[in-house]
């Protein structure tokens, strides 16, 4: 993806039974960090869309990673449409 303008990253593991939010965050932060650092190196001008849980915790952390590389953290966005689709399905089933 060298020189890409847009990178969509569906990354991370789903929460497993017995796994708490903190466990999920630690695992998914590590996965996202490796990928965001690769983007910083190979396509620093790209907008990065992260599809990861918990999105509200991972995205700010990845913005900080980008900032440490001297890049614009506003180029990293969280994509939450999957959560909206799941919620709509859940409400429909009630």
N, C-alpha and C. Protein backbone atom coordinates (compact mmCIF):
# COMPACT_ATOMS: atom_id res chain seq x y z
N UNK A 1 0.81 -1.19 0.00
CA UNK A 1 0.00 0.00 0.00
C UNK A 1 0.85 1.26 0.00
N UNK A 2 2.02 1.17 -0.58
CA UNK A 2 2.92 2.32 -0.64
C UNK A 2 2.25 3.46 -1.40
N UNK A 3 2.20 4.62 -0.75
CA UNK A 3 1.64 5.81 -1.39
C UNK A 3 0.13 5.85 -1.43
N UNK A 4 -0.56 4.97 -0.75
CA UNK A 4 -2.03 4.94 -0.77
C UNK A 4 -2.59 6.24 -0.19
N UNK A 5 -3.76 6.63 -0.70
CA UNK A 5 -4.45 7.81 -0.18
C UNK A 5 -5.46 7.45 0.90
N UNK A 6 -5.93 6.22 0.88
CA UNK A 6 -6.91 5.75 1.85
C UNK A 6 -6.57 4.33 2.25
N UNK A 7 -6.54 4.07 3.54
CA UNK A 7 -6.28 2.72 4.04
C UNK A 7 -7.39 2.37 5.04
N UNK A 8 -8.11 1.31 4.77
CA UNK A 8 -9.14 0.82 5.70
C UNK A 8 -8.56 -0.39 6.41
N UNK A 9 -8.58 -0.34 7.72
CA UNK A 9 -7.97 -1.40 8.51
C UNK A 9 -9.02 -2.08 9.38
N UNK A 10 -9.51 -3.24 8.93
CA UNK A 10 -10.36 -4.05 9.80
C UNK A 10 -9.45 -4.95 10.63
N UNK A 11 -9.20 -4.56 11.86
CA UNK A 11 -8.19 -5.25 12.63
C UNK A 11 -8.68 -5.58 14.03
N UNK A 12 -8.07 -6.57 14.61
CA UNK A 12 -8.36 -6.92 15.99
C UNK A 12 -9.10 -8.22 16.11
N UNK A 13 -9.27 -8.60 17.34
CA UNK A 13 -9.99 -9.84 17.65
C UNK A 13 -11.32 -9.47 18.29
N UNK A 14 -12.33 -10.30 18.11
CA UNK A 14 -13.60 -10.04 18.80
C UNK A 14 -13.47 -10.42 20.28
N UNK A 15 -14.32 -9.85 21.10
CA UNK A 15 -14.29 -10.20 22.52
C UNK A 15 -14.83 -11.61 22.68
N UNK A 16 -14.07 -12.41 23.40
CA UNK A 16 -14.43 -13.81 23.64
C UNK A 16 -15.11 -13.94 24.99
N UNK A 17 -15.86 -15.00 25.20
CA UNK A 17 -16.51 -15.18 26.50
C UNK A 17 -15.49 -15.11 27.64
N UNK A 18 -15.81 -14.35 28.67
CA UNK A 18 -14.93 -14.19 29.81
C UNK A 18 -13.88 -13.10 29.65
N UNK A 19 -13.74 -12.57 28.46
CA UNK A 19 -12.76 -11.52 28.20
C UNK A 19 -13.38 -10.17 28.57
N UNK A 20 -12.65 -9.38 29.34
CA UNK A 20 -13.19 -8.06 29.67
C UNK A 20 -12.68 -7.03 28.66
N UNK A 21 -13.24 -5.84 28.75
CA UNK A 21 -12.90 -4.77 27.81
C UNK A 21 -11.42 -4.41 27.85
N UNK A 22 -10.82 -4.46 29.01
CA UNK A 22 -9.41 -4.15 29.15
C UNK A 22 -8.53 -5.16 28.41
N UNK A 23 -8.89 -6.44 28.51
CA UNK A 23 -8.14 -7.48 27.78
C UNK A 23 -8.24 -7.26 26.28
N UNK A 24 -9.46 -6.97 25.83
CA UNK A 24 -9.70 -6.73 24.40
C UNK A 24 -8.89 -5.52 23.93
N UNK A 25 -8.89 -4.47 24.73
CA UNK A 25 -8.17 -3.26 24.37
C UNK A 25 -6.67 -3.52 24.22
N UNK A 26 -6.08 -4.24 25.15
CA UNK A 26 -4.64 -4.52 25.09
C UNK A 26 -4.27 -5.26 23.80
N UNK A 27 -5.05 -6.27 23.47
CA UNK A 27 -4.76 -7.07 22.27
C UNK A 27 -4.93 -6.22 21.01
N UNK A 28 -6.07 -5.53 20.92
CA UNK A 28 -6.36 -4.78 19.70
C UNK A 28 -5.49 -3.54 19.55
N UNK A 29 -5.03 -2.95 20.65
CA UNK A 29 -4.08 -1.84 20.55
C UNK A 29 -2.78 -2.30 19.90
N UNK A 30 -2.31 -3.46 20.29
CA UNK A 30 -1.07 -3.99 19.71
C UNK A 30 -1.19 -4.24 18.22
N UNK A 31 -2.31 -4.82 17.83
CA UNK A 31 -2.54 -5.10 16.41
C UNK A 31 -2.63 -3.79 15.61
N UNK A 32 -3.43 -2.86 16.11
CA UNK A 32 -3.62 -1.59 15.40
C UNK A 32 -2.32 -0.80 15.33
N UNK A 33 -1.55 -0.81 16.40
CA UNK A 33 -0.30 -0.04 16.43
C UNK A 33 0.66 -0.49 15.34
N UNK A 34 0.81 -1.79 15.17
CA UNK A 34 1.70 -2.30 14.13
C UNK A 34 1.25 -1.81 12.75
N UNK A 35 -0.05 -1.85 12.51
CA UNK A 35 -0.56 -1.45 11.19
C UNK A 35 -0.48 0.05 10.97
N UNK A 36 -0.77 0.83 12.00
CA UNK A 36 -0.70 2.29 11.88
C UNK A 36 0.76 2.72 11.69
N UNK A 37 1.68 2.08 12.36
CA UNK A 37 3.10 2.42 12.16
C UNK A 37 3.55 2.07 10.74
N UNK A 38 3.02 0.99 10.17
CA UNK A 38 3.34 0.66 8.78
C UNK A 38 2.79 1.74 7.84
N UNK A 39 1.59 2.22 8.14
CA UNK A 39 1.02 3.29 7.33
C UNK A 39 1.86 4.56 7.43
N UNK A 40 2.33 4.87 8.64
CA UNK A 40 3.17 6.05 8.83
C UNK A 40 4.44 5.96 7.98
N UNK A 41 4.93 4.77 7.83
CA UNK A 41 6.16 4.57 7.07
C UNK A 41 5.92 4.55 5.56
N UNK A 42 4.89 3.83 5.11
CA UNK A 42 4.71 3.58 3.68
C UNK A 42 3.69 4.46 2.98
N UNK A 43 2.78 5.06 3.73
CA UNK A 43 1.78 5.94 3.10
C UNK A 43 1.38 7.04 4.09
N UNK A 44 2.33 7.88 4.45
CA UNK A 44 2.10 8.88 5.50
C UNK A 44 1.03 9.92 5.18
N UNK A 45 0.66 10.05 3.94
CA UNK A 45 -0.38 11.02 3.57
C UNK A 45 -1.77 10.44 3.55
N UNK A 46 -1.89 9.16 3.81
CA UNK A 46 -3.18 8.48 3.70
C UNK A 46 -4.12 8.82 4.85
N UNK A 47 -5.39 8.77 4.55
CA UNK A 47 -6.42 8.79 5.59
C UNK A 47 -6.59 7.34 6.02
N UNK A 48 -6.59 7.10 7.32
CA UNK A 48 -6.68 5.74 7.84
C UNK A 48 -8.02 5.55 8.54
N UNK A 49 -8.79 4.59 8.07
CA UNK A 49 -10.06 4.25 8.71
C UNK A 49 -9.89 2.97 9.51
N UNK A 50 -10.03 3.08 10.83
CA UNK A 50 -9.86 1.92 11.71
C UNK A 50 -11.21 1.30 12.04
N UNK A 51 -11.34 0.03 11.74
CA UNK A 51 -12.53 -0.74 12.08
C UNK A 51 -12.06 -1.71 13.16
N UNK A 52 -12.21 -1.30 14.40
CA UNK A 52 -11.63 -2.05 15.51
C UNK A 52 -12.43 -1.76 16.78
N UNK A 53 -12.43 -2.69 17.69
CA UNK A 53 -13.10 -2.49 18.96
C UNK A 53 -12.09 -2.55 20.10
N UNK A 54 -12.24 -1.76 21.11
CA UNK A 54 -13.19 -0.67 21.26
C UNK A 54 -12.70 0.58 20.51
N UNK A 55 -13.46 0.98 19.53
CA UNK A 55 -13.04 2.07 18.63
C UNK A 55 -12.80 3.37 19.38
N UNK A 56 -13.60 3.64 20.41
CA UNK A 56 -13.46 4.91 21.14
C UNK A 56 -12.18 4.97 21.98
N UNK A 57 -11.51 3.87 22.18
CA UNK A 57 -10.25 3.85 22.91
C UNK A 57 -9.05 3.67 21.98
N UNK A 58 -9.21 2.86 20.95
CA UNK A 58 -8.10 2.56 20.04
C UNK A 58 -7.76 3.76 19.16
N UNK A 59 -8.78 4.44 18.63
CA UNK A 59 -8.51 5.54 17.70
C UNK A 59 -7.70 6.66 18.36
N UNK A 60 -8.05 7.15 19.54
CA UNK A 60 -7.21 8.21 20.15
C UNK A 60 -5.77 7.76 20.39
N UNK A 61 -5.59 6.50 20.77
CA UNK A 61 -4.24 5.98 20.98
C UNK A 61 -3.46 5.96 19.67
N UNK A 62 -4.12 5.59 18.58
CA UNK A 62 -3.44 5.54 17.29
C UNK A 62 -3.17 6.95 16.76
N UNK A 63 -4.02 7.91 17.11
CA UNK A 63 -3.73 9.31 16.75
C UNK A 63 -2.44 9.76 17.41
N UNK A 64 -2.24 9.32 18.64
CA UNK A 64 -1.00 9.68 19.35
C UNK A 64 0.22 9.02 18.68
N UNK A 65 0.07 7.79 18.22
CA UNK A 65 1.15 7.11 17.49
C UNK A 65 1.50 7.93 16.25
N UNK A 66 0.48 8.35 15.52
CA UNK A 66 0.69 9.13 14.30
C UNK A 66 1.39 10.46 14.64
N UNK A 67 0.94 11.10 15.72
CA UNK A 67 1.52 12.38 16.14
C UNK A 67 3.01 12.20 16.45
N UNK A 68 3.37 11.09 17.09
CA UNK A 68 4.78 10.83 17.43
C UNK A 68 5.65 10.65 16.19
N UNK A 69 5.02 10.27 15.09
CA UNK A 69 5.74 10.15 13.81
C UNK A 69 5.78 11.48 13.06
N UNK A 70 5.25 12.54 13.67
CA UNK A 70 5.24 13.86 13.04
C UNK A 70 4.14 14.00 12.01
N UNK A 71 3.12 13.14 12.07
CA UNK A 71 2.04 13.16 11.09
C UNK A 71 0.76 13.72 11.69
N UNK A 72 -0.18 14.05 10.83
CA UNK A 72 -1.44 14.67 11.23
C UNK A 72 -2.39 13.62 11.83
N UNK A 73 -2.65 13.68 13.13
CA UNK A 73 -3.53 12.70 13.76
C UNK A 73 -4.98 12.79 13.29
N UNK A 74 -5.34 13.90 12.65
CA UNK A 74 -6.71 14.05 12.13
C UNK A 74 -6.95 13.16 10.91
N UNK A 75 -5.89 12.53 10.43
CA UNK A 75 -6.02 11.61 9.28
C UNK A 75 -6.47 10.22 9.72
N UNK A 76 -6.62 10.00 11.02
CA UNK A 76 -7.06 8.71 11.53
C UNK A 76 -8.49 8.85 12.03
N UNK A 77 -9.36 7.99 11.49
CA UNK A 77 -10.78 8.02 11.88
C UNK A 77 -11.23 6.63 12.28
N UNK A 78 -12.23 6.59 13.14
CA UNK A 78 -12.82 5.33 13.55
C UNK A 78 -14.10 5.08 12.76
N UNK A 79 -14.29 3.87 12.33
CA UNK A 79 -15.48 3.50 11.58
C UNK A 79 -16.36 2.66 12.49
N UNK A 80 -17.56 3.15 12.74
CA UNK A 80 -18.45 2.48 13.68
C UNK A 80 -19.72 1.94 13.03
N UNK A 81 -19.79 1.96 11.73
CA UNK A 81 -21.00 1.52 11.04
C UNK A 81 -21.38 0.10 11.42
N UNK A 82 -20.40 -0.76 11.63
CA UNK A 82 -20.70 -2.14 12.00
C UNK A 82 -21.51 -2.19 13.29
N UNK A 83 -21.15 -1.35 14.25
CA UNK A 83 -21.90 -1.31 15.51
C UNK A 83 -23.34 -0.85 15.27
N UNK A 84 -23.52 0.11 14.37
CA UNK A 84 -24.87 0.59 14.06
C UNK A 84 -25.69 -0.51 13.41
N UNK A 85 -25.10 -1.25 12.50
CA UNK A 85 -25.81 -2.36 11.84
C UNK A 85 -26.20 -3.42 12.87
N UNK A 86 -25.28 -3.75 13.76
CA UNK A 86 -25.58 -4.74 14.80
C UNK A 86 -26.71 -4.26 15.71
N UNK A 87 -26.68 -2.99 16.09
CA UNK A 87 -27.72 -2.44 16.95
C UNK A 87 -29.07 -2.46 16.26
N UNK A 88 -29.10 -2.09 14.99
CA UNK A 88 -30.36 -2.12 14.25
C UNK A 88 -30.92 -3.53 14.16
N UNK A 89 -30.07 -4.52 13.94
CA UNK A 89 -30.52 -5.89 13.88
C UNK A 89 -31.08 -6.34 15.24
N UNK A 90 -30.37 -5.97 16.30
CA UNK A 90 -30.81 -6.33 17.64
C UNK A 90 -32.19 -5.72 17.94
N UNK A 91 -32.37 -4.44 17.64
CA UNK A 91 -33.63 -3.77 17.91
C UNK A 91 -34.75 -4.39 17.06
N UNK A 92 -34.44 -4.73 15.84
CA UNK A 92 -35.42 -5.35 14.94
C UNK A 92 -35.90 -6.69 15.49
N UNK A 93 -35.01 -7.42 16.13
CA UNK A 93 -35.36 -8.75 16.64
C UNK A 93 -36.20 -8.70 17.92
N UNK A 94 -36.25 -7.54 18.59
CA UNK A 94 -37.00 -7.45 19.84
C UNK A 94 -38.49 -7.44 19.60
